[in-house]
Amino acid sequence: QVQLVESGGGSVQAGGSLRLSCAASGYSVNTACMGWFRQAPGKEREGVATIRANDFLSGGIAYYADSVKGRFTISRDNAKNTLYLLMNSLKPEDTAMYYCAAADSRAYCAALSSATMDYWGKGTLVTISS
């Protein structure tokens, strides 16, 4: 049984930083595809960043939404079986519930589409004040 447990959310001022963590069990973070998604009140869930397993690159391949490129960094610690999202230069529009997700296939990882993910955590809330 796959379980994904997020942590690290909170309230910070604009310009600040947060690091989200996603502890995985029943799923290895260095396989297939894992990612972070977010959903703001009244909006649809959107892909923030994903990391795709690669046979030649031990660190995998990362994909980012345009809105977070250059500010957010997705990474993983294989030994801890944990996925991270480092968020810098946070903006009020980054306020949302952030979800960790994993997929059985790496095929659609670049799409940052929630429809292609198979497993979900319960989320952690990020609030950015201006």
N, C-alpha and C. Protein backbone atom coordinates (compact mmCIF):
# COMPACT_ATOMS: atom_id res chain seq x y z
N GLN A 1 0.84 -1.19 0.00
CA GLN A 1 0.00 0.00 0.00
C GLN A 1 0.88 1.24 0.00
N VAL A 2 0.63 2.13 -0.93
CA VAL A 2 1.41 3.34 -1.05
C VAL A 2 0.86 4.41 -0.13
N GLN A 3 1.76 5.02 0.63
CA GLN A 3 1.37 6.15 1.47
C GLN A 3 2.34 7.29 1.23
N LEU A 4 1.79 8.47 1.08
CA LEU A 4 2.56 9.68 0.89
C LEU A 4 2.14 10.68 1.95
N VAL A 5 3.09 11.16 2.71
CA VAL A 5 2.77 12.06 3.82
C VAL A 5 3.57 13.35 3.68
N GLU A 6 2.86 14.43 3.46
CA GLU A 6 3.50 15.73 3.28
C GLU A 6 3.71 16.43 4.62
N SER A 7 4.71 17.30 4.64
CA SER A 7 4.95 18.15 5.80
C SER A 7 5.73 19.37 5.33
N GLY A 8 5.81 20.36 6.19
CA GLY A 8 6.62 21.54 5.89
C GLY A 8 5.84 22.78 5.48
N GLY A 9 4.54 22.65 5.34
CA GLY A 9 3.76 23.82 5.00
C GLY A 9 3.71 24.81 6.15
N GLY A 10 3.21 26.00 5.86
CA GLY A 10 3.11 27.02 6.90
C GLY A 10 2.78 28.36 6.30
N SER A 11 2.91 29.38 7.14
CA SER A 11 2.62 30.75 6.73
C SER A 11 3.91 31.55 6.74
N VAL A 12 4.22 32.19 5.61
CA VAL A 12 5.40 33.03 5.52
C VAL A 12 5.05 34.28 4.74
N GLN A 13 5.89 35.28 4.85
CA GLN A 13 5.69 36.51 4.10
C GLN A 13 6.24 36.36 2.69
N ALA A 14 5.73 37.18 1.81
CA ALA A 14 6.22 37.19 0.43
C ALA A 14 7.73 37.41 0.43
N GLY A 15 8.38 36.67 -0.46
CA GLY A 15 9.83 36.73 -0.53
C GLY A 15 10.53 35.67 0.30
N GLY A 16 9.78 35.02 1.16
CA GLY A 16 10.35 34.00 2.03
C GLY A 16 10.48 32.66 1.34
N SER A 17 10.88 31.68 2.13
CA SER A 17 11.12 30.34 1.61
C SER A 17 10.48 29.29 2.51
N LEU A 18 10.16 28.16 1.89
CA LEU A 18 9.68 26.99 2.61
C LEU A 18 10.22 25.75 1.90
N ARG A 19 10.38 24.68 2.66
CA ARG A 19 10.72 23.41 2.06
C ARG A 19 9.68 22.38 2.46
N LEU A 20 9.03 21.84 1.47
CA LEU A 20 8.05 20.78 1.70
C LEU A 20 8.73 19.42 1.58
N SER A 21 8.24 18.50 2.39
CA SER A 21 8.75 17.13 2.35
C SER A 21 7.59 16.18 2.12
N CYS A 22 7.91 15.07 1.48
CA CYS A 22 6.91 14.02 1.25
C CYS A 22 7.58 12.68 1.54
N ALA A 23 7.21 12.10 2.66
CA ALA A 23 7.74 10.79 3.04
C ALA A 23 6.90 9.70 2.39
N ALA A 24 7.56 8.83 1.65
CA ALA A 24 6.86 7.78 0.92
C ALA A 24 7.08 6.42 1.56
N SER A 25 6.04 5.62 1.54
CA SER A 25 6.16 4.23 1.93
C SER A 25 5.39 3.39 0.93
N GLY A 26 5.90 2.20 0.64
CA GLY A 26 5.28 1.36 -0.37
C GLY A 26 5.56 1.82 -1.79
N TYR A 27 6.44 2.78 -1.94
CA TYR A 27 6.81 3.33 -3.24
C TYR A 27 8.20 3.93 -3.12
N SER A 28 9.07 3.61 -4.08
CA SER A 28 10.42 4.15 -4.05
C SER A 28 10.48 5.47 -4.82
N VAL A 29 11.01 6.50 -4.17
CA VAL A 29 10.97 7.83 -4.78
C VAL A 29 11.84 7.93 -6.03
N ASN A 30 12.75 7.00 -6.25
CA ASN A 30 13.61 7.09 -7.42
C ASN A 30 13.09 6.26 -8.59
N THR A 31 11.83 5.87 -8.54
CA THR A 31 11.24 5.15 -9.65
C THR A 31 10.13 5.97 -10.28
N ALA A 32 9.93 5.73 -11.55
CA ALA A 32 8.80 6.29 -12.31
C ALA A 32 8.74 7.81 -12.18
N CYS A 33 7.69 8.29 -11.52
CA CYS A 33 7.45 9.73 -11.51
C CYS A 33 6.82 10.15 -10.20
N MET A 34 7.35 11.22 -9.63
CA MET A 34 6.74 11.82 -8.45
C MET A 34 6.64 13.31 -8.68
N GLY A 35 5.76 13.96 -7.95
CA GLY A 35 5.63 15.38 -8.18
C GLY A 35 4.85 16.09 -7.09
N TRP A 36 4.81 17.40 -7.26
CA TRP A 36 4.06 18.29 -6.38
C TRP A 36 2.99 18.99 -7.20
N PHE A 37 1.82 19.04 -6.62
CA PHE A 37 0.69 19.72 -7.23
C PHE A 37 0.10 20.66 -6.20
N ARG A 38 -0.64 21.63 -6.64
CA ARG A 38 -1.25 22.55 -5.70
C ARG A 38 -2.65 22.93 -6.15
N GLN A 39 -3.44 23.30 -5.16
CA GLN A 39 -4.81 23.74 -5.45
C GLN A 39 -5.15 24.91 -4.55
N ALA A 40 -5.41 26.04 -5.18
CA ALA A 40 -5.82 27.23 -4.46
C ALA A 40 -7.34 27.24 -4.36
N PRO A 41 -7.89 27.95 -3.39
CA PRO A 41 -9.34 28.01 -3.24
C PRO A 41 -10.02 28.49 -4.52
N GLY A 42 -11.01 27.74 -4.97
CA GLY A 42 -11.76 28.12 -6.15
C GLY A 42 -11.07 27.84 -7.46
N LYS A 43 -9.91 27.19 -7.40
CA LYS A 43 -9.17 26.90 -8.62
C LYS A 43 -8.95 25.40 -8.77
N GLU A 44 -8.63 25.01 -9.98
CA GLU A 44 -8.34 23.60 -10.23
C GLU A 44 -6.93 23.25 -9.74
N ARG A 45 -6.74 21.97 -9.48
CA ARG A 45 -5.41 21.51 -9.09
C ARG A 45 -4.46 21.65 -10.28
N GLU A 46 -3.26 22.12 -10.00
CA GLU A 46 -2.29 22.31 -11.07
C GLU A 46 -0.95 21.69 -10.70
N GLY A 47 -0.24 21.27 -11.72
CA GLY A 47 1.08 20.70 -11.51
C GLY A 47 2.10 21.79 -11.24
N VAL A 48 2.93 21.57 -10.25
CA VAL A 48 3.98 22.52 -9.88
C VAL A 48 5.33 22.02 -10.38
N ALA A 49 5.66 20.79 -10.03
CA ALA A 49 6.94 20.22 -10.43
C ALA A 49 6.85 18.70 -10.35
N THR A 50 7.53 18.05 -11.26
CA THR A 50 7.63 16.59 -11.22
C THR A 50 9.09 16.19 -11.44
N ILE A 51 9.41 14.98 -11.02
CA ILE A 51 10.74 14.45 -11.24
C ILE A 51 10.59 13.04 -11.78
N ARG A 52 11.24 12.79 -12.89
CA ARG A 52 11.08 11.55 -13.63
C ARG A 52 12.34 10.71 -13.53
N ALA A 53 12.16 9.45 -13.26
CA ALA A 53 13.31 8.55 -13.22
C ALA A 53 13.97 8.48 -14.59
N ASN A 54 15.28 8.40 -14.57
CA ASN A 54 16.03 8.33 -15.81
C ASN A 54 17.12 7.27 -15.66
N ASP A 55 17.27 6.43 -16.66
CA ASP A 55 18.21 5.32 -16.58
C ASP A 55 19.67 5.77 -16.55
N PHE A 56 19.94 7.01 -16.97
CA PHE A 56 21.32 7.48 -17.06
C PHE A 56 21.64 8.60 -16.08
N LEU A 57 20.61 9.22 -15.55
CA LEU A 57 20.83 10.32 -14.61
C LEU A 57 20.28 9.91 -13.26
N SER A 58 21.16 9.74 -12.29
CA SER A 58 20.72 9.27 -10.99
C SER A 58 19.78 10.25 -10.31
N GLY A 59 19.93 11.52 -10.64
CA GLY A 59 19.06 12.51 -10.02
C GLY A 59 17.72 12.68 -10.68
N GLY A 60 17.53 11.98 -11.79
CA GLY A 60 16.27 12.10 -12.50
C GLY A 60 16.19 13.38 -13.32
N ILE A 61 15.06 13.57 -13.93
CA ILE A 61 14.82 14.75 -14.76
C ILE A 61 13.65 15.52 -14.16
N ALA A 62 13.83 16.81 -13.94
CA ALA A 62 12.80 17.63 -13.31
C ALA A 62 12.07 18.47 -14.34
N TYR A 63 10.80 18.66 -14.08
CA TYR A 63 9.95 19.51 -14.91
C TYR A 63 9.24 20.50 -13.99
N TYR A 64 9.06 21.71 -14.48
CA TYR A 64 8.45 22.76 -13.67
C TYR A 64 7.38 23.50 -14.45
N ALA A 65 6.37 23.94 -13.71
CA ALA A 65 5.42 24.86 -14.29
C ALA A 65 6.11 26.20 -14.52
N ASP A 66 5.70 26.91 -15.54
CA ASP A 66 6.33 28.19 -15.87
C ASP A 66 6.26 29.16 -14.70
N SER A 67 5.20 29.09 -13.94
CA SER A 67 4.98 30.04 -12.84
C SER A 67 5.98 29.87 -11.70
N VAL A 68 6.67 28.73 -11.64
CA VAL A 68 7.59 28.49 -10.53
C VAL A 68 9.03 28.29 -10.98
N LYS A 69 9.27 28.28 -12.26
CA LYS A 69 10.64 28.07 -12.77
C LYS A 69 11.58 29.14 -12.21
N GLY A 70 12.72 28.68 -11.75
CA GLY A 70 13.71 29.60 -11.19
C GLY A 70 13.48 29.90 -9.72
N ARG A 71 12.33 29.51 -9.19
CA ARG A 71 12.03 29.77 -7.77
C ARG A 71 11.92 28.47 -6.97
N PHE A 72 11.37 27.45 -7.57
CA PHE A 72 11.15 26.18 -6.88
C PHE A 72 12.13 25.13 -7.40
N THR A 73 12.51 24.22 -6.50
CA THR A 73 13.39 23.12 -6.87
C THR A 73 12.86 21.83 -6.29
N ILE A 74 12.63 20.85 -7.14
CA ILE A 74 12.19 19.53 -6.69
C ILE A 74 13.42 18.62 -6.59
N SER A 75 13.43 17.81 -5.55
CA SER A 75 14.55 16.89 -5.38
C SER A 75 14.08 15.69 -4.56
N ARG A 76 14.95 14.71 -4.46
CA ARG A 76 14.58 13.52 -3.70
C ARG A 76 15.81 12.98 -2.98
N ASP A 77 15.55 12.32 -1.87
CA ASP A 77 16.60 11.65 -1.10
C ASP A 77 16.25 10.17 -1.12
N ASN A 78 16.97 9.42 -1.92
CA ASN A 78 16.64 8.01 -2.07
C ASN A 78 16.81 7.24 -0.76
N ALA A 79 17.83 7.60 0.02
CA ALA A 79 18.09 6.89 1.27
C ALA A 79 16.95 7.09 2.27
N LYS A 80 16.39 8.30 2.26
CA LYS A 80 15.28 8.60 3.17
C LYS A 80 13.93 8.32 2.52
N ASN A 81 13.97 7.98 1.24
CA ASN A 81 12.73 7.76 0.49
C ASN A 81 11.78 8.94 0.63
N THR A 82 12.31 10.11 0.41
CA THR A 82 11.56 11.35 0.63
C THR A 82 11.73 12.28 -0.56
N LEU A 83 10.64 12.91 -0.92
CA LEU A 83 10.62 13.91 -1.99
C LEU A 83 10.55 15.28 -1.35
N TYR A 84 11.22 16.26 -1.98
CA TYR A 84 11.23 17.61 -1.43
C TYR A 84 10.80 18.62 -2.48
N LEU A 85 10.34 19.76 -1.99
CA LEU A 85 10.11 20.91 -2.85
C LEU A 85 10.61 22.13 -2.10
N LEU A 86 11.70 22.69 -2.58
CA LEU A 86 12.24 23.91 -2.00
C LEU A 86 11.62 25.09 -2.74
N MET A 87 10.99 25.96 -1.98
CA MET A 87 10.28 27.09 -2.59
C MET A 87 10.91 28.39 -2.10
N ASN A 88 11.47 29.13 -3.02
CA ASN A 88 12.08 30.42 -2.71
C ASN A 88 11.29 31.55 -3.36
N SER A 89 11.57 32.75 -2.91
CA SER A 89 10.92 33.95 -3.48
C SER A 89 9.41 33.76 -3.57
N LEU A 90 8.84 33.33 -2.51
CA LEU A 90 7.41 33.01 -2.51
C LEU A 90 6.56 34.25 -2.72
N LYS A 91 5.44 34.04 -3.41
CA LYS A 91 4.52 35.12 -3.75
C LYS A 91 3.14 34.78 -3.18
N PRO A 92 2.31 35.78 -2.95
CA PRO A 92 0.96 35.49 -2.46
C PRO A 92 0.20 34.52 -3.36
N GLU A 93 0.46 34.57 -4.64
CA GLU A 93 -0.23 33.66 -5.56
C GLU A 93 0.24 32.21 -5.44
N ASP A 94 1.26 31.95 -4.64
CA ASP A 94 1.68 30.58 -4.36
C ASP A 94 0.84 29.95 -3.25
N THR A 95 0.00 30.74 -2.63
CA THR A 95 -0.86 30.23 -1.56
C THR A 95 -1.77 29.12 -2.09
N ALA A 96 -1.70 27.97 -1.46
CA ALA A 96 -2.49 26.82 -1.91
C ALA A 96 -2.26 25.64 -0.99
N MET A 97 -3.06 24.62 -1.17
CA MET A 97 -2.78 23.32 -0.57
C MET A 97 -1.84 22.60 -1.53
N TYR A 98 -0.75 22.10 -1.01
CA TYR A 98 0.24 21.42 -1.84
C TYR A 98 0.17 19.92 -1.58
N TYR A 99 0.10 19.18 -2.68
CA TYR A 99 -0.03 17.73 -2.61
C TYR A 99 1.17 17.04 -3.25
N CYS A 100 1.59 15.99 -2.61
CA CYS A 100 2.60 15.09 -3.17
C CYS A 100 1.86 13.98 -3.93
N ALA A 101 2.42 13.58 -5.05
CA ALA A 101 1.79 12.54 -5.85
C ALA A 101 2.85 11.65 -6.49
N ALA A 102 2.43 10.45 -6.83
CA ALA A 102 3.33 9.50 -7.47
C ALA A 102 2.58 8.73 -8.55
N ALA A 103 3.32 8.29 -9.53
CA ALA A 103 2.73 7.55 -10.63
C ALA A 103 3.46 6.22 -10.83
N ASP A 104 2.74 5.24 -11.33
CA ASP A 104 3.34 3.94 -11.63
C ASP A 104 4.16 4.00 -12.92
N SER A 105 3.85 4.95 -13.77
CA SER A 105 4.55 5.07 -15.06
C SER A 105 5.25 6.41 -15.14
N ARG A 106 6.39 6.42 -15.81
CA ARG A 106 7.11 7.67 -16.02
C ARG A 106 6.70 8.33 -17.33
N ALA A 107 5.82 7.69 -18.08
CA ALA A 107 5.55 8.12 -19.45
C ALA A 107 5.02 9.54 -19.57
N TYR A 108 4.23 9.96 -18.60
CA TYR A 108 3.58 11.26 -18.73
C TYR A 108 4.07 12.26 -17.71
N CYS A 109 5.23 12.02 -17.16
CA CYS A 109 5.73 12.86 -16.07
C CYS A 109 5.90 14.31 -16.49
N ALA A 110 6.34 14.54 -17.72
CA ALA A 110 6.57 15.89 -18.18
C ALA A 110 5.29 16.70 -18.31
N ALA A 111 4.18 16.04 -18.35
CA ALA A 111 2.91 16.73 -18.57
C ALA A 111 2.43 17.49 -17.34
N LEU A 112 2.98 17.19 -16.17
CA LEU A 112 2.54 17.81 -14.91
C LEU A 112 1.02 17.77 -14.78
N SER A 113 0.48 16.63 -15.14
CA SER A 113 -0.97 16.48 -15.12
C SER A 113 -1.40 15.60 -13.96
N SER A 114 -2.32 16.10 -13.17
CA SER A 114 -2.80 15.33 -12.03
C SER A 114 -3.51 14.06 -12.48
N ALA A 115 -4.04 14.08 -13.71
CA ALA A 115 -4.77 12.91 -14.21
C ALA A 115 -3.87 11.70 -14.41
N THR A 116 -2.58 11.92 -14.52
CA THR A 116 -1.66 10.82 -14.78
C THR A 116 -1.02 10.26 -13.51
N MET A 117 -1.34 10.82 -12.36
CA MET A 117 -0.75 10.36 -11.10
C MET A 117 -1.70 9.35 -10.45
N ASP A 118 -1.08 8.36 -9.79
CA ASP A 118 -1.86 7.25 -9.24
C ASP A 118 -2.06 7.32 -7.73
N TYR A 119 -1.15 7.99 -7.05
CA TYR A 119 -1.20 8.02 -5.59
C TYR A 119 -1.06 9.47 -5.11
N TRP A 120 -1.76 9.77 -4.01
CA TRP A 120 -1.79 11.13 -3.52
C TRP A 120 -1.64 11.17 -2.01
N GLY A 121 -0.97 12.23 -1.54
CA GLY A 121 -0.98 12.51 -0.13
C GLY A 121 -2.18 13.38 0.21
N LYS A 122 -2.29 13.73 1.48
CA LYS A 122 -3.45 14.52 1.93
C LYS A 122 -3.21 16.01 1.84
N GLY A 123 -1.98 16.40 1.63
CA GLY A 123 -1.70 17.81 1.40
C GLY A 123 -1.15 18.54 2.61
N THR A 124 -0.48 19.64 2.33
CA THR A 124 0.02 20.54 3.37
C THR A 124 -0.23 21.97 2.89
N LEU A 125 -0.70 22.80 3.79
CA LEU A 125 -1.15 24.14 3.42
C LEU A 125 0.00 25.14 3.45
N VAL A 126 0.10 25.91 2.39
CA VAL A 126 1.08 26.99 2.28
C VAL A 126 0.34 28.30 2.11
N THR A 127 0.63 29.24 3.00
CA THR A 127 -0.02 30.55 2.96
C THR A 127 1.05 31.63 2.90
N ILE A 128 0.96 32.46 1.87
CA ILE A 128 1.94 33.52 1.68
C ILE A 128 1.24 34.86 1.82
N SER A 129 1.71 35.67 2.74
CA SER A 129 1.11 36.97 2.98
C SER A 129 1.95 38.07 2.33
N SER A 130 1.27 39.10 1.88
CA SER A 130 1.97 40.20 1.19
C SER A 130 2.49 41.22 2.18
